Protein backbone atom coordinates (compact mmCIF):
# COMPACT_ATOMS: atom_id res chain seq x y z
CA MET A 1 0.06 -0.06 0.23
CA ASP A 2 1.34 3.53 -1.05
CA ALA A 3 -0.04 5.22 2.02
CA ARG A 4 1.60 8.62 0.44
CA LEU A 5 0.17 8.40 -2.84
CA VAL A 6 -3.76 7.69 -1.31
CA ASN A 7 -2.64 10.80 0.99
CA ARG A 8 -2.11 12.71 -1.98
CA LEU A 9 -5.23 11.90 -3.81
CA LEU A 10 -7.41 12.12 -0.51
CA GLY A 11 -6.01 15.57 -0.33
CA LYS A 12 -6.93 16.71 -3.87
CA LEU A 13 -10.51 14.73 -3.17
CA THR A 14 -10.82 17.41 -0.46
CA ILE A 15 -10.24 20.06 -2.14
CA ALA A 16 -12.83 19.26 -4.55
CA PHE A 17 -15.39 18.93 -1.85
CA SER A 18 -13.82 22.42 -0.47
CA LEU A 19 -15.24 23.82 -4.25
CA VAL A 20 -18.57 22.81 -3.31
CA LEU A 21 -18.84 24.01 -0.23
CA LEU A 22 -18.39 27.58 -1.76
CA LEU A 23 -21.82 27.41 -3.47
CA PRO A 24 -24.07 27.10 0.03
CA LEU A 25 -21.52 29.75 1.34
CA LEU A 26 -22.61 32.35 -1.59
CA ALA A 27 -26.40 31.00 -0.43
CA ALA A 28 -25.50 32.31 2.67
CA ILE A 29 -24.05 35.38 2.18
CA ALA A 30 -27.18 36.33 -0.04
CA VAL A 31 -29.63 35.19 1.68
CA ASP A 32 -29.05 33.87 5.33
CA ARG A 33 -26.24 35.85 6.83
CA GLU A 34 -27.04 34.43 10.27
CA HIS A 35 -25.45 31.16 9.37
CA ILE A 36 -22.67 32.27 7.03
CA TRP A 37 -20.22 31.25 10.30
CA ILE A 38 -21.64 27.80 9.80
CA PHE A 39 -19.90 27.37 5.96
CA ALA A 40 -17.28 29.38 6.82
CA PHE A 41 -15.98 27.21 9.64
CA SER A 42 -16.88 23.97 7.29
CA LEU A 43 -14.56 25.36 4.59
CA ILE A 44 -11.71 26.24 6.96
CA ALA A 45 -12.13 22.78 8.13
CA SER A 46 -11.86 21.43 4.87
CA VAL A 47 -9.04 23.02 3.48
CA THR A 48 -6.90 22.35 6.87
CA VAL A 49 -7.54 18.49 6.30
CA ALA A 50 -6.76 18.76 2.45
CA SER A 51 -3.11 20.58 3.73
CA ILE A 52 -2.84 17.86 6.05
CA PHE A 53 -3.54 15.38 3.48
CA ASN A 54 -1.07 16.77 1.20
CA ILE A 55 1.93 17.29 3.61
CA TYR A 56 2.13 13.75 3.94
CA GLY A 57 1.40 12.76 0.55
CA THR A 58 3.52 12.08 -1.96
CA GLN A 59 4.72 15.09 -4.69
CA ARG A 60 6.02 13.01 -7.32
CA PRO A 61 3.53 13.88 -10.24
CA ARG A 62 4.15 10.34 -12.02
CA GLN A 63 3.11 7.65 -10.46
CA ARG A 64 1.03 4.12 -10.62
CA LEU A 65 -2.22 3.93 -9.28
CA ARG A 66 -2.94 0.30 -8.52
CA VAL A 67 -6.12 -1.33 -7.50
CA ARG A 68 -5.26 -1.60 -3.84
CA GLU A 69 -4.92 2.23 -3.51
CA ALA A 70 -8.35 3.07 -6.11
CA ILE A 71 -9.88 0.91 -3.75
CA ALA A 72 -8.32 2.70 -0.71
CA ILE A 73 -9.23 5.94 -2.22
CA VAL A 74 -13.24 5.15 -3.10
CA GLY A 75 -13.76 3.86 0.93
CA CYS A 76 -11.69 5.94 2.48
CA GLY A 77 -13.00 8.94 0.29
CA TRP A 78 -16.48 8.61 0.88
CA LEU A 79 -16.24 8.06 4.35
CA LEU A 80 -13.95 11.71 4.54
CA VAL A 81 -16.40 13.39 2.60
CA CYS A 82 -19.36 11.91 4.53
CA LEU A 83 -17.80 12.71 7.50
CA MET A 84 -16.57 16.42 6.32
CA GLY A 85 -20.35 17.05 5.17
CA SER A 86 -21.75 16.83 8.14
CA LEU A 87 -19.99 19.58 9.47
CA PRO A 88 -22.63 22.46 8.79
CA TYR A 89 -25.56 20.14 10.35
CA LEU A 90 -22.92 19.75 13.16
CA PHE A 91 -22.38 23.78 13.71
CA LEU A 92 -25.91 23.79 13.24
CA ASN A 93 -26.84 21.26 16.36
CA PRO A 94 -23.77 20.36 18.14
CA ALA A 95 -25.67 18.35 20.54
CA ASP A 96 -26.66 15.66 18.56
CA PRO A 97 -23.44 14.47 16.28
CA LEU A 98 -24.94 11.00 15.17
CA ALA A 99 -27.98 13.01 13.14
CA ALA A 100 -25.51 15.19 11.70
CA VAL A 101 -23.39 12.40 10.26
CA PHE A 102 -26.78 10.48 9.28
CA GLU A 103 -27.76 13.85 7.24
CA SER A 104 -24.82 13.82 5.62
CA VAL A 105 -24.74 10.08 4.57
CA SER A 106 -28.00 10.31 3.51
CA GLY A 107 -27.34 13.22 1.03
CA PHE A 108 -24.34 11.94 0.02
CA THR A 109 -25.47 8.53 -0.66
CA THR A 110 -28.96 10.03 -2.42
CA THR A 111 -31.08 8.20 0.12
CA GLY A 112 -33.00 11.44 0.72
CA VAL A 113 -34.26 10.94 4.50
CA THR A 114 -33.97 12.87 7.54
CA THR A 115 -33.77 12.51 11.23
CA ALA A 116 -35.45 15.83 11.30
CA GLN A 117 -38.89 16.51 12.73
CA SER A 118 -39.39 18.77 9.52
CA PHE A 119 -37.40 20.55 7.00
CA ASN A 120 -38.22 24.24 8.47
CA ASP A 121 -35.79 22.91 11.12
CA PHE A 122 -32.88 23.74 8.56
CA PRO A 123 -31.96 27.34 7.68
CA PRO A 124 -32.24 28.21 3.70
CA SER A 125 -28.16 27.79 3.52
CA VAL A 126 -28.37 24.46 4.67
CA LEU A 127 -31.48 23.23 2.73
CA VAL A 128 -29.21 24.17 -0.33
CA TRP A 129 -26.43 22.31 0.82
CA ARG A 130 -28.47 19.18 1.33
CA CYS A 131 -29.16 19.85 -1.81
CA LEU A 132 -25.95 19.89 -3.36
CA THR A 133 -25.03 16.69 -1.22
CA HIS A 134 -27.59 15.08 -3.37
CA TRP A 135 -26.56 16.08 -6.67
CA THR A 136 -22.60 14.96 -6.05
CA GLY A 137 -23.80 12.21 -4.74
CA GLY A 138 -25.84 11.24 -7.70
CA ILE A 139 -23.15 11.94 -10.09
CA GLY A 140 -20.51 10.55 -7.46
CA VAL A 141 -17.69 12.54 -5.38
CA ILE A 142 -14.95 10.24 -7.19
CA MET A 143 -16.29 11.44 -10.13
CA LEU A 144 -15.66 15.02 -9.60
CA PHE A 145 -12.08 14.04 -8.07
CA ILE A 146 -11.61 11.95 -11.39
CA ILE A 147 -11.64 15.05 -13.49
CA ILE A 148 -9.12 17.25 -11.12
CA MET A 149 -6.77 14.60 -10.82
CA PRO A 150 -3.82 13.51 -13.20
CA GLN A 151 -4.43 10.15 -15.18
CA MET A 152 -2.22 6.99 -13.34
CA ASN A 153 -3.11 3.71 -15.49
CA SER A 154 -5.72 0.76 -14.56
CA GLY A 155 -6.80 2.28 -11.16
CA THR A 156 -8.38 5.32 -12.27
CA SER A 157 -10.55 2.45 -13.83
CA TYR A 158 -11.55 1.31 -10.75
CA LEU A 159 -12.86 5.16 -9.59
CA PHE A 160 -14.78 5.45 -12.77
CA ASN A 161 -16.22 1.76 -12.18
CA ALA A 162 -16.83 2.72 -8.46
CA GLU A 163 -18.87 5.39 -9.39
CA LEU A 164 -21.10 3.98 -12.46
CA PRO A 165 -21.29 0.50 -10.93
CA GLY A 166 -23.52 -2.07 -12.25
CA ALA A 167 -22.42 -5.26 -14.65
CA VAL A 168 -22.06 -3.84 -17.73
CA ALA A 169 -21.20 0.01 -17.14
CA GLU A 170 -19.07 1.39 -19.69
CA ARG A 171 -16.79 4.04 -20.58
CA THR A 172 -18.20 6.56 -23.31
CA LEU A 173 -14.76 7.52 -24.41
CA PRO A 174 -11.23 5.98 -24.63
CA LYS A 175 -10.08 8.22 -22.13
CA ILE A 176 -11.47 7.97 -18.38
CA LYS A 177 -11.29 11.72 -17.61
CA GLU A 178 -13.14 12.65 -20.60
CA SER A 179 -15.75 10.42 -20.31
CA ALA A 180 -16.19 11.68 -16.82
CA MET A 181 -16.25 15.17 -18.16
CA LEU A 182 -18.85 14.35 -20.85
CA ILE A 183 -21.30 12.22 -18.18
CA LEU A 184 -21.18 14.98 -15.85
CA SER A 185 -21.94 17.71 -18.80
CA VAL A 186 -24.77 15.68 -19.52
CA TYR A 187 -25.85 15.23 -15.82
CA PHE A 188 -25.51 19.17 -15.41
CA SER A 189 -27.30 19.91 -18.84
CA LEU A 190 -30.33 17.86 -17.91
CA THR A 191 -30.71 19.06 -14.41
CA LEU A 192 -31.00 22.71 -16.17
CA VAL A 193 -33.78 21.34 -18.71
CA GLU A 194 -35.83 20.21 -15.98
CA ILE A 195 -35.36 23.46 -13.71
CA ILE A 196 -36.85 25.37 -16.42
CA LEU A 197 -39.80 22.79 -17.16
CA LEU A 198 -40.67 22.99 -13.08
CA LEU A 199 -40.51 26.60 -13.44
CA LEU A 200 -43.35 26.47 -16.52
CA ALA A 201 -44.98 24.15 -14.52
CA GLY A 202 -45.50 26.93 -11.07
CA VAL A 203 -42.99 26.07 -9.15
CA SER A 204 -40.83 28.40 -7.16
CA LEU A 205 -37.46 28.88 -8.26
CA PHE A 206 -35.98 27.27 -4.84
CA GLN A 207 -37.84 24.42 -5.15
CA ALA A 208 -37.72 23.71 -9.15
CA ILE A 209 -33.79 23.64 -8.07
CA ASN A 210 -34.21 21.53 -5.11
CA LEU A 211 -36.41 18.82 -7.05
CA ALA A 212 -34.27 18.97 -10.10
CA LEU A 213 -31.21 18.44 -8.02
CA ALA A 214 -33.01 15.78 -6.32
CA THR A 215 -34.35 14.17 -9.18
CA MET A 216 -31.38 13.66 -11.31
CA ALA A 217 -29.48 12.00 -8.71
CA THR A 218 -32.44 9.98 -7.66
CA GLY A 219 -32.09 10.95 -4.12
CA GLY A 220 -35.63 12.31 -3.15
CA PHE A 221 -35.16 15.15 -1.09
CA SER A 222 -38.22 17.38 -1.27
CA TYR A 223 -38.62 20.83 -0.01
CA TYR A 224 -41.48 19.63 1.87
CA HIS A 225 -41.45 16.26 4.45
CA ASP A 226 -44.41 14.62 2.90
CA SER A 227 -42.54 14.89 -0.47
CA LEU A 228 -44.29 15.99 -3.49
CA ILE A 229 -47.93 15.20 -1.83
CA SER A 230 -48.18 18.55 -0.64
CA PHE A 231 -47.73 19.78 -4.33
CA ASP A 232 -50.42 18.05 -5.61
CA ASN A 233 -49.60 19.32 -9.19
CA VAL A 234 -50.02 16.49 -11.70
CA PHE A 235 -47.52 18.27 -14.21
CA VAL A 236 -45.00 18.26 -11.80
CA GLU A 237 -45.34 14.93 -11.28
CA ILE A 238 -45.20 14.00 -15.10
CA ILE A 239 -41.83 16.28 -15.09
CA ALA A 240 -40.82 14.02 -12.38
CA ILE A 241 -41.61 10.78 -13.54
CA ALA A 242 -39.66 11.64 -16.95
CA PHE A 243 -36.32 12.44 -15.51
CA MET A 244 -37.09 9.69 -12.91
CA LEU A 245 -36.54 7.40 -15.81
CA ILE A 246 -33.73 9.51 -17.42
CA ALA A 247 -31.78 9.71 -14.42
CA SER A 248 -32.15 5.64 -13.72
CA MET A 249 -30.84 4.36 -17.26
CA ASN A 250 -27.21 4.20 -18.37
CA PHE A 251 -25.48 7.63 -19.26
CA SER A 252 -23.30 6.18 -22.21
CA LEU A 253 -26.85 5.84 -23.73
CA TYR A 254 -27.35 9.02 -24.13
CA TYR A 255 -23.78 9.99 -25.60
CA LYS A 256 -24.57 7.66 -28.27
CA ILE A 257 -27.82 9.65 -28.94
CA TRP A 258 -26.17 12.79 -29.17
CA ARG A 259 -23.60 11.44 -31.72
CA GLY A 260 -26.40 10.48 -34.01
CA ASP A 261 -26.79 6.69 -33.03
CA TRP A 262 -30.60 6.40 -32.12
CA LEU A 263 -30.56 2.97 -32.52
CA ALA A 264 -28.36 2.72 -29.44
CA PHE A 265 -31.45 3.30 -27.27
CA ARG A 266 -33.91 0.60 -29.04
CA ASN A 267 -30.85 -2.15 -28.97
CA ASP A 268 -30.26 -1.46 -25.53
CA THR A 269 -31.44 -4.81 -23.67
CA GLU A 270 -31.17 -3.64 -20.17
CA HIS A 271 -33.82 -0.54 -20.64
CA ARG A 272 -36.22 -2.74 -22.25
CA TYR A 273 -36.69 -5.09 -19.15
CA TYR A 274 -36.18 -2.10 -16.94
CA LEU A 275 -39.05 -0.30 -18.64
CA PHE A 276 -41.04 -3.61 -18.55
CA ILE A 277 -40.72 -4.37 -15.15
CA LEU A 278 -41.83 -0.98 -14.17
CA ALA A 279 -44.88 -1.08 -16.35
CA VAL A 280 -46.04 -4.62 -15.15
CA ALA A 281 -45.31 -2.82 -11.30
CA ALA A 282 -47.53 -0.02 -12.06
CA LEU A 283 -50.32 -2.19 -13.70
CA LEU A 284 -50.49 -4.87 -10.95
CA ILE A 285 -50.61 -1.96 -8.40
CA CYS A 286 -53.31 0.01 -10.14
CA GLY A 287 -55.26 -3.25 -10.62
CA ASN A 288 -55.26 -3.88 -6.76
CA LEU A 289 -55.88 -0.25 -5.71
CA TYR A 290 -58.84 -0.15 -8.07
CA LEU A 291 -60.30 -3.51 -7.11
CA THR A 292 -59.98 -2.83 -3.62
CA ASN A 293 -62.10 0.69 -4.24
CA TYR A 294 -59.14 2.84 -2.75
CA LEU A 295 -59.41 5.37 -5.26
CA PRO A 296 -61.08 6.11 -8.73
CA LEU A 297 -59.52 4.67 -11.56
CA GLY A 298 -57.75 7.84 -13.09
CA GLU A 299 -55.96 8.58 -9.87
CA CYS A 300 -55.31 4.44 -9.28
CA LEU A 301 -53.42 4.86 -12.81
CA ARG A 302 -51.64 8.35 -11.85
CA HIS A 303 -50.27 7.12 -8.68
CA SER A 304 -49.45 3.43 -9.43
CA ILE A 305 -47.28 4.95 -12.50
CA PHE A 306 -45.58 7.39 -10.28
CA GLN A 307 -44.93 5.19 -7.45
CA ALA A 308 -43.52 2.36 -9.80
CA VAL A 309 -41.10 4.65 -11.20
CA SER A 310 -40.13 6.22 -8.23
CA ILE A 311 -39.24 3.27 -6.36
CA GLY A 312 -37.85 1.51 -9.14
CA SER A 313 -35.74 4.46 -10.04
CA THR A 314 -34.89 4.30 -6.26
CA THR A 315 -35.62 8.15 -6.15
CA GLY A 316 -37.99 7.57 -3.22
CA PHE A 317 -40.21 10.50 -4.12
CA ALA A 318 -44.20 9.73 -2.71
CA SER A 319 -47.58 11.48 -4.55
CA ASP A 320 -49.68 9.44 -2.09
CA ASP A 321 -49.21 7.93 1.36
CA PHE A 322 -48.29 4.18 -0.02
CA ASP A 323 -47.99 2.86 3.41
CA ASN A 324 -51.73 3.23 3.57
CA TRP A 325 -52.07 1.09 0.51
CA PRO A 326 -53.00 -2.42 0.75
CA SER A 327 -50.62 -5.06 1.28
CA PHE A 328 -49.84 -6.58 -2.11
CA SER A 329 -48.81 -3.15 -3.68
CA ARG A 330 -46.76 -2.00 -0.54
CA SER A 331 -45.13 -6.06 -1.47
CA VAL A 332 -45.00 -4.96 -5.24
CA LEU A 333 -42.98 -1.87 -4.05
CA LEU A 334 -40.57 -3.70 -1.59
CA MET A 335 -39.58 -6.02 -4.37
CA LEU A 336 -38.88 -2.66 -6.69
CA MET A 337 -36.54 -1.41 -3.73
CA PHE A 338 -34.13 -4.63 -4.63
CA VAL A 339 -34.45 -4.23 -7.96
CA GLY A 340 -32.97 -0.80 -8.32
CA GLY A 341 -32.00 1.32 -11.77
CA CYS A 342 -29.86 0.40 -14.63
CA SER A 343 -26.39 -0.04 -14.54
CA GLY A 344 -24.25 3.06 -15.09
CA SER A 345 -27.09 5.27 -13.85
CA THR A 346 -27.92 7.32 -10.62
CA ALA A 347 -30.02 4.45 -9.05
CA GLY A 348 -29.12 2.39 -6.37
CA GLY A 349 -30.55 -1.34 -5.83
CA ILE A 350 -29.05 -4.60 -7.14
CA LYS A 351 -29.29 -3.21 -10.64
CA ILE A 352 -31.14 -4.50 -13.87
CA SER A 353 -28.14 -5.97 -15.53
CA ARG A 354 -27.03 -8.07 -12.74
CA LEU A 355 -30.58 -9.48 -12.43
CA ILE A 356 -31.02 -10.39 -16.26
CA ILE A 357 -27.52 -12.30 -15.88
CA LEU A 358 -28.66 -14.13 -12.88
CA LEU A 359 -31.92 -15.13 -14.48
CA LYS A 360 -29.97 -16.50 -17.55
CA ALA A 361 -27.14 -18.00 -15.21
CA GLY A 362 -29.89 -20.05 -13.48
CA TRP A 363 -31.78 -20.69 -16.86
CA ALA A 364 -28.15 -22.20 -18.42
CA GLU A 365 -27.98 -24.00 -15.46
CA LEU A 366 -31.23 -25.89 -15.70
CA LEU A 367 -30.67 -26.47 -19.52
CA ARG A 368 -27.15 -28.09 -18.47
CA THR A 369 -29.13 -30.51 -15.71
CA LEU A 370 -31.51 -31.67 -18.46
CA HIS A 371 -28.68 -32.01 -21.37
CA PRO A 372 -25.09 -31.98 -19.43
CA ARG A 373 -23.67 -32.03 -22.95
CA ILE A 374 -25.29 -28.94 -23.73
CA VAL A 375 -22.87 -25.23 -24.46
CA TYR A 376 -24.96 -22.50 -23.36
CA SER A 377 -23.27 -18.81 -23.34
CA VAL A 378 -24.78 -16.30 -21.30
CA LYS A 379 -25.74 -12.90 -23.39
CA MET A 380 -26.84 -9.73 -22.65
CA GLY A 381 -28.20 -8.24 -25.90
CA ASP A 382 -25.67 -9.04 -28.48
CA LYS A 383 -22.60 -9.54 -26.21
CA ASP A 384 -21.38 -12.93 -24.54
CA ILE A 385 -20.49 -12.19 -20.61
CA ASP A 386 -17.72 -13.31 -19.17
CA PRO A 387 -17.91 -16.59 -16.69
CA ILE A 388 -15.97 -14.66 -14.33
CA VAL A 389 -18.43 -11.70 -14.94
CA VAL A 390 -20.90 -14.48 -14.12
CA GLY A 391 -19.76 -15.65 -10.94
CA ASN A 392 -18.32 -12.17 -9.57
CA ILE A 393 -22.59 -11.05 -9.98
CA THR A 394 -23.26 -14.07 -8.46
CA ARG A 395 -20.92 -13.42 -5.39
CA PHE A 396 -22.29 -9.69 -5.22
CA PHE A 397 -25.82 -11.26 -5.16
CA PHE A 398 -25.46 -13.71 -2.19
CA LEU A 399 -22.98 -10.95 -0.56
CA TYR A 400 -26.09 -8.24 -0.85
CA ILE A 401 -28.78 -10.79 0.58
CA LEU A 402 -26.43 -12.01 2.94
CA VAL A 403 -25.84 -8.24 4.60
CA PHE A 404 -29.22 -7.26 4.35
CA ILE A 405 -30.33 -10.05 6.83
CA VAL A 406 -27.81 -9.22 9.07
CA LEU A 407 -28.44 -5.53 9.07
CA THR A 408 -32.35 -6.51 9.67
CA LEU A 409 -31.47 -8.41 12.47
CA LEU A 410 -29.26 -5.93 13.69
CA ILE A 411 -31.94 -3.04 13.34
CA SER A 412 -34.44 -5.33 14.86
CA LEU A 413 -32.62 -5.03 18.21
CA SER A 414 -34.17 -1.10 18.69
CA GLY A 415 -37.50 -2.84 19.23
CA ILE A 416 -38.71 -2.08 15.13
CA SER A 417 -41.25 -4.92 13.82
CA ALA A 418 -39.98 -7.38 11.47
CA MET A 419 -41.57 -6.36 8.07
CA GLU A 420 -40.50 -2.47 9.21
CA SER A 421 -36.86 -3.70 9.72
CA ILE A 422 -36.86 -5.35 6.31
CA GLY A 423 -38.60 -2.24 4.88
CA LEU A 424 -36.11 0.23 6.05
CA ILE A 425 -33.05 -1.64 5.38
CA ALA A 426 -34.24 -2.71 2.32
CA ALA A 427 -34.78 1.16 1.53
CA CYS A 428 -31.42 2.45 3.07
CA MET A 429 -29.38 -0.07 0.94
CA SER A 430 -30.88 0.80 -2.37
CA SER A 431 -31.19 4.03 -1.36
CA VAL A 432 -34.87 4.79 -1.88
CA GLY A 433 -35.34 6.53 1.73
CA PRO A 434 -38.78 6.33 2.33
CA ALA A 435 -40.59 2.79 3.16
CA PHE A 436 -42.80 1.94 5.84
CA GLY A 437 -44.54 1.86 8.71
CA VAL A 438 -42.44 4.37 11.28
CA VAL A 439 -40.09 5.41 8.37
CA GLY A 440 -42.97 5.97 5.73
CA PRO A 441 -43.62 8.59 2.97
CA THR A 442 -45.14 11.11 4.94
CA SER A 443 -42.72 10.30 8.10
CA THR A 444 -39.05 10.81 8.72
CA TYR A 445 -36.55 8.99 10.72
CA SER A 446 -36.63 10.94 13.83
CA SER A 447 -38.67 8.33 16.04
CA LEU A 448 -36.01 6.11 15.35
CA PRO A 449 -33.38 5.35 18.37
CA ASP A 450 -29.63 6.31 17.76
CA TRP A 451 -28.66 2.26 17.22
CA ALA A 452 -31.53 2.02 14.63
CA ARG A 453 -29.81 5.48 12.74
CA PHE A 454 -26.56 3.78 13.06
CA ILE A 455 -27.21 0.95 11.35
CA SER A 456 -29.25 3.16 8.62
CA ILE A 457 -26.10 4.85 8.02
CA VAL A 458 -24.15 1.75 7.33
CA ALA A 459 -27.00 0.21 5.32
CA MET A 460 -26.63 3.46 3.55
CA LEU A 461 -22.93 3.42 3.09
CA LEU A 462 -22.74 -0.57 2.00
CA GLY A 463 -25.40 0.28 -0.51
CA ARG A 464 -23.93 2.97 -1.91
CA LEU A 465 -20.23 1.48 -2.51
CA GLU A 466 -21.85 -1.66 -3.35
CA ILE A 467 -20.57 -3.66 -0.42
CA PHE A 468 -17.45 -5.03 -1.85
CA THR A 469 -15.72 -1.88 -1.41
CA MET A 470 -16.31 -1.18 2.00
CA LEU A 471 -16.29 -4.65 3.39
CA ALA A 472 -12.46 -4.56 1.72
CA ILE A 473 -11.33 -1.68 3.38
CA LEU A 474 -12.41 -3.01 6.81
CA ARG A 475 -10.27 -6.16 6.39
CA PRO A 476 -7.00 -5.53 8.68
CA ASP A 477 -4.49 -6.93 6.38
CA PHE A 478 -5.71 -4.72 3.28
CA TRP A 479 -3.87 -2.28 5.00
CA ARG A 480 -0.83 -4.62 5.62
CA ASP A 481 2.44 -3.30 3.13
CA LYS A 482 3.79 -6.75 2.50
CA GLN A 483 0.00 -7.98 1.14
CA ASN A 484 0.29 -8.31 -2.99
CA TRP A 485 -2.64 -7.04 -4.96
């Protein structure tokens, strides 16, 4: 492990984080001067930490970044950013440091929940900061870091793939830095377009910015604690549906379309399965709501489509209190939490591509049982999937379910019922946010005891980093100098 190289790059990451802190500081100067000191002190602390890392980091301009160092940067970088991001909340309420860390982790992992009773507890500048943690967490703090860091061989590929995870996430250009710049440009442009559309729908400027940042990050942070229910605006819901779908699909498709390859969207297997799953889920929910006389048919269709897209994309917005829906509809939403969005998107969850490959691998094993001599390859579209990739996905799925079970058992120790524990951990690991019961769509996480908040933080981080990175840096032998990686 080249600790000096890791320190140097963590210093650069902290500098990138400091640049983001400037925006809420400017907002505080403009509209919230009473809280300027919060972000001034946070910025000073961030710059100080960056300086310390630089002092203990190497100054050699050309150095090889191996996978081991890349894993350390991703894992430690996310922990560092989440801790630094908690400073504004900590300065605002020093009596509850765990709540400050929770808010930061919830923002950067795009989970979009809070332990506050109401968002009115936050001053405007802190609300701006929370929106920005969502937006930067969606595109990935490591993605911003890649743009300012030097090119460092194969280890940079690990950094890139860590921020656009999934079985078939791909670079759009040969050079990783150019790919990161392109994805950031697409991300920013789509956010700007959504802000304009929301303004045309009659939403105020601050609320439009807030909703756009949360939607493109598939984060779900709303101006109101009951999400979009308070808006009660069909046009806002339609805009949100469109951009939740856009944000939860592979960003490489948009580059191909921009280059004129319109067939790329039609030929992409993953997004077709994704849309099919969402359509089936919406129809099942709509039928269940209508047959149980919950709402008129038009309202059932409106809320079922919105909620299927919101939960399937792991955004977590709510147009209705789905905690009051029939158990069948809530079960469908729970399944969607696990499924998640497409690879190479801002969505969480297991990812559509992984599930497709798992299903095809299971079918292949069934055929081999019936026909032992058969040769069957797993394909994603027209591409053959390497057996090593299939094995990796199988191990990921097993570990994902194992971690889910362990965390569910641990959080139930706080006295939360079994079904509520299952929904809560599923929502946190998939970065959905709202679940059922005490953490339903019109509630916050304020009623959770400290132990449940801590487990929720662990679940959010493990889900956002897709388990392997976080578990790797927790192994003592990972940090031993003589280990070969």
